[in-house]
Amino acid sequence: MTTTPDGTPTNPVDRINEITGRYGPDSLIGRFIRRAEPEILACTCRVLERVATAKRQPM
């Protein structure tokens, strides 16, 4: 959720908007992604926090 389809960095909110825009808000995918948005954002936040923690730990 942190890259676009072509690999460009992005944020999860913009990525969800891009997916909804590509498929349409009333499509199966558009409806699902909006329904799942809170969990997608929470999960992305948890992963980014863990990555930041791992980068701070000495090897």
N, C-alpha and C. Protein backbone atom coordinates (compact mmCIF):
# COMPACT_ATOMS: atom_id res chain seq x y z
N MET A 1 0.81 -1.19 0.00
CA MET A 1 0.00 0.00 0.00
C MET A 1 0.86 1.26 0.00
N THR A 2 2.16 1.09 -0.10
CA THR A 2 3.04 2.25 -0.09
C THR A 2 3.71 2.51 -1.44
N THR A 3 3.28 1.77 -2.47
CA THR A 3 3.75 2.03 -3.82
C THR A 3 2.58 1.98 -4.80
N THR A 4 2.73 2.68 -5.91
CA THR A 4 1.72 2.66 -6.97
C THR A 4 1.95 1.41 -7.82
N PRO A 5 1.07 1.13 -8.76
CA PRO A 5 1.28 -0.04 -9.62
C PRO A 5 2.61 -0.05 -10.36
N ASP A 6 3.16 1.14 -10.62
CA ASP A 6 4.45 1.18 -11.33
C ASP A 6 5.65 1.28 -10.39
N GLY A 7 5.41 1.18 -9.06
CA GLY A 7 6.49 1.14 -8.09
C GLY A 7 6.86 2.48 -7.48
N THR A 8 6.16 3.54 -7.84
CA THR A 8 6.42 4.85 -7.27
C THR A 8 5.94 4.89 -5.83
N PRO A 9 6.74 5.43 -4.91
CA PRO A 9 6.29 5.52 -3.52
C PRO A 9 5.02 6.38 -3.38
N THR A 10 4.16 5.98 -2.48
CA THR A 10 2.92 6.72 -2.22
C THR A 10 2.52 6.45 -0.78
N ASN A 11 1.42 7.01 -0.36
CA ASN A 11 0.91 6.74 0.98
C ASN A 11 -0.36 5.90 0.85
N PRO A 12 -0.76 5.22 1.90
CA PRO A 12 -1.91 4.31 1.82
C PRO A 12 -3.23 4.98 1.42
N VAL A 13 -3.47 6.20 1.87
CA VAL A 13 -4.72 6.89 1.53
C VAL A 13 -4.77 7.16 0.03
N ASP A 14 -3.67 7.68 -0.53
CA ASP A 14 -3.64 7.93 -1.97
C ASP A 14 -3.74 6.62 -2.76
N ARG A 15 -3.13 5.57 -2.25
CA ARG A 15 -3.19 4.27 -2.94
C ARG A 15 -4.63 3.74 -2.98
N ILE A 16 -5.34 3.86 -1.86
CA ILE A 16 -6.73 3.43 -1.83
C ILE A 16 -7.56 4.27 -2.80
N ASN A 17 -7.32 5.57 -2.82
CA ASN A 17 -8.03 6.44 -3.76
C ASN A 17 -7.72 6.06 -5.21
N GLU A 18 -6.47 5.71 -5.48
CA GLU A 18 -6.09 5.31 -6.84
C GLU A 18 -6.81 4.03 -7.24
N ILE A 19 -6.88 3.07 -6.35
CA ILE A 19 -7.56 1.80 -6.64
C ILE A 19 -9.04 2.05 -6.89
N THR A 20 -9.66 2.83 -6.01
CA THR A 20 -11.09 3.14 -6.16
C THR A 20 -11.34 3.87 -7.47
N GLY A 21 -10.47 4.81 -7.81
CA GLY A 21 -10.62 5.55 -9.06
C GLY A 21 -10.44 4.67 -10.29
N ARG A 22 -9.53 3.74 -10.21
CA ARG A 22 -9.27 2.86 -11.36
C ARG A 22 -10.43 1.91 -11.61
N TYR A 23 -10.98 1.34 -10.54
CA TYR A 23 -12.03 0.34 -10.70
C TYR A 23 -13.44 0.92 -10.60
N GLY A 24 -13.54 2.11 -10.02
CA GLY A 24 -14.85 2.72 -9.81
C GLY A 24 -15.37 2.42 -8.42
N PRO A 25 -16.00 3.40 -7.78
CA PRO A 25 -16.46 3.22 -6.40
C PRO A 25 -17.57 2.18 -6.25
N ASP A 26 -18.30 1.91 -7.31
CA ASP A 26 -19.40 0.95 -7.22
C ASP A 26 -19.03 -0.44 -7.70
N SER A 27 -17.78 -0.63 -8.12
CA SER A 27 -17.33 -1.96 -8.54
C SER A 27 -17.12 -2.82 -7.30
N LEU A 28 -17.01 -4.10 -7.49
CA LEU A 28 -16.74 -5.02 -6.39
C LEU A 28 -15.44 -4.62 -5.67
N ILE A 29 -14.41 -4.33 -6.44
CA ILE A 29 -13.13 -3.95 -5.84
C ILE A 29 -13.24 -2.61 -5.14
N GLY A 30 -13.89 -1.64 -5.77
CA GLY A 30 -14.06 -0.33 -5.15
C GLY A 30 -14.81 -0.41 -3.84
N ARG A 31 -15.88 -1.18 -3.81
CA ARG A 31 -16.66 -1.34 -2.57
C ARG A 31 -15.83 -2.06 -1.50
N PHE A 32 -15.12 -3.11 -1.90
CA PHE A 32 -14.32 -3.85 -0.94
C PHE A 32 -13.21 -2.99 -0.35
N ILE A 33 -12.48 -2.27 -1.20
CA ILE A 33 -11.34 -1.51 -0.71
C ILE A 33 -11.79 -0.43 0.28
N ARG A 34 -12.93 0.18 0.02
CA ARG A 34 -13.46 1.19 0.96
C ARG A 34 -13.91 0.53 2.26
N ARG A 35 -14.50 -0.63 2.16
CA ARG A 35 -14.94 -1.34 3.36
C ARG A 35 -13.73 -1.78 4.20
N ALA A 36 -12.67 -2.18 3.53
CA ALA A 36 -11.47 -2.65 4.21
C ALA A 36 -10.51 -1.52 4.60
N GLU A 37 -10.80 -0.31 4.18
CA GLU A 37 -9.87 0.81 4.38
C GLU A 37 -9.38 0.97 5.82
N PRO A 38 -10.23 0.94 6.83
CA PRO A 38 -9.71 1.11 8.20
C PRO A 38 -8.67 0.06 8.58
N GLU A 39 -8.91 -1.18 8.23
CA GLU A 39 -7.95 -2.24 8.57
C GLU A 39 -6.69 -2.13 7.71
N ILE A 40 -6.83 -1.77 6.45
CA ILE A 40 -5.66 -1.59 5.59
C ILE A 40 -4.76 -0.49 6.15
N LEU A 41 -5.36 0.63 6.56
CA LEU A 41 -4.57 1.73 7.11
C LEU A 41 -3.92 1.33 8.43
N ALA A 42 -4.65 0.64 9.28
CA ALA A 42 -4.09 0.20 10.57
C ALA A 42 -2.94 -0.78 10.35
N CYS A 43 -3.11 -1.71 9.45
CA CYS A 43 -2.08 -2.70 9.17
C CYS A 43 -0.84 -2.04 8.58
N THR A 44 -1.04 -1.12 7.65
CA THR A 44 0.08 -0.41 7.05
C THR A 44 0.85 0.36 8.11
N CYS A 45 0.13 1.00 9.02
CA CYS A 45 0.76 1.74 10.10
C CYS A 45 1.60 0.81 10.98
N ARG A 46 1.06 -0.35 11.32
CA ARG A 46 1.81 -1.31 12.15
C ARG A 46 3.08 -1.76 11.46
N VAL A 47 3.00 -2.05 10.19
CA VAL A 47 4.18 -2.51 9.44
C VAL A 47 5.24 -1.41 9.39
N LEU A 48 4.83 -0.18 9.09
CA LEU A 48 5.79 0.92 9.01
C LEU A 48 6.45 1.19 10.37
N GLU A 49 5.68 1.05 11.45
CA GLU A 49 6.25 1.21 12.79
C GLU A 49 7.29 0.12 13.06
N ARG A 50 7.01 -1.10 12.66
CA ARG A 50 7.96 -2.20 12.89
C ARG A 50 9.21 -2.03 12.05
N VAL A 51 9.06 -1.56 10.83
CA VAL A 51 10.23 -1.30 9.98
C VAL A 51 11.10 -0.22 10.63
N ALA A 52 10.48 0.84 11.11
CA ALA A 52 11.24 1.93 11.75
C ALA A 52 11.96 1.41 12.99
N THR A 53 11.31 0.57 13.78
CA THR A 53 11.94 -0.01 14.96
C THR A 53 13.12 -0.88 14.57
N ALA A 54 12.96 -1.69 13.56
CA ALA A 54 14.04 -2.58 13.12
C ALA A 54 15.24 -1.79 12.61
N LYS A 55 14.99 -0.67 11.97
CA LYS A 55 16.10 0.15 11.45
C LYS A 55 16.89 0.78 12.58
N ARG A 56 16.25 1.01 13.73
CA ARG A 56 16.94 1.64 14.86
C ARG A 56 17.76 0.65 15.67
N GLN A 57 17.48 -0.64 15.52
CA GLN A 57 18.18 -1.65 16.32
C GLN A 57 19.53 -1.96 15.69
N PRO A 58 20.57 -2.07 16.54
CA PRO A 58 21.90 -2.40 16.01
C PRO A 58 21.94 -3.82 15.46
N MET A 59 22.77 -4.02 14.50
CA MET A 59 22.88 -5.34 13.87
C MET A 59 23.93 -6.16 14.53
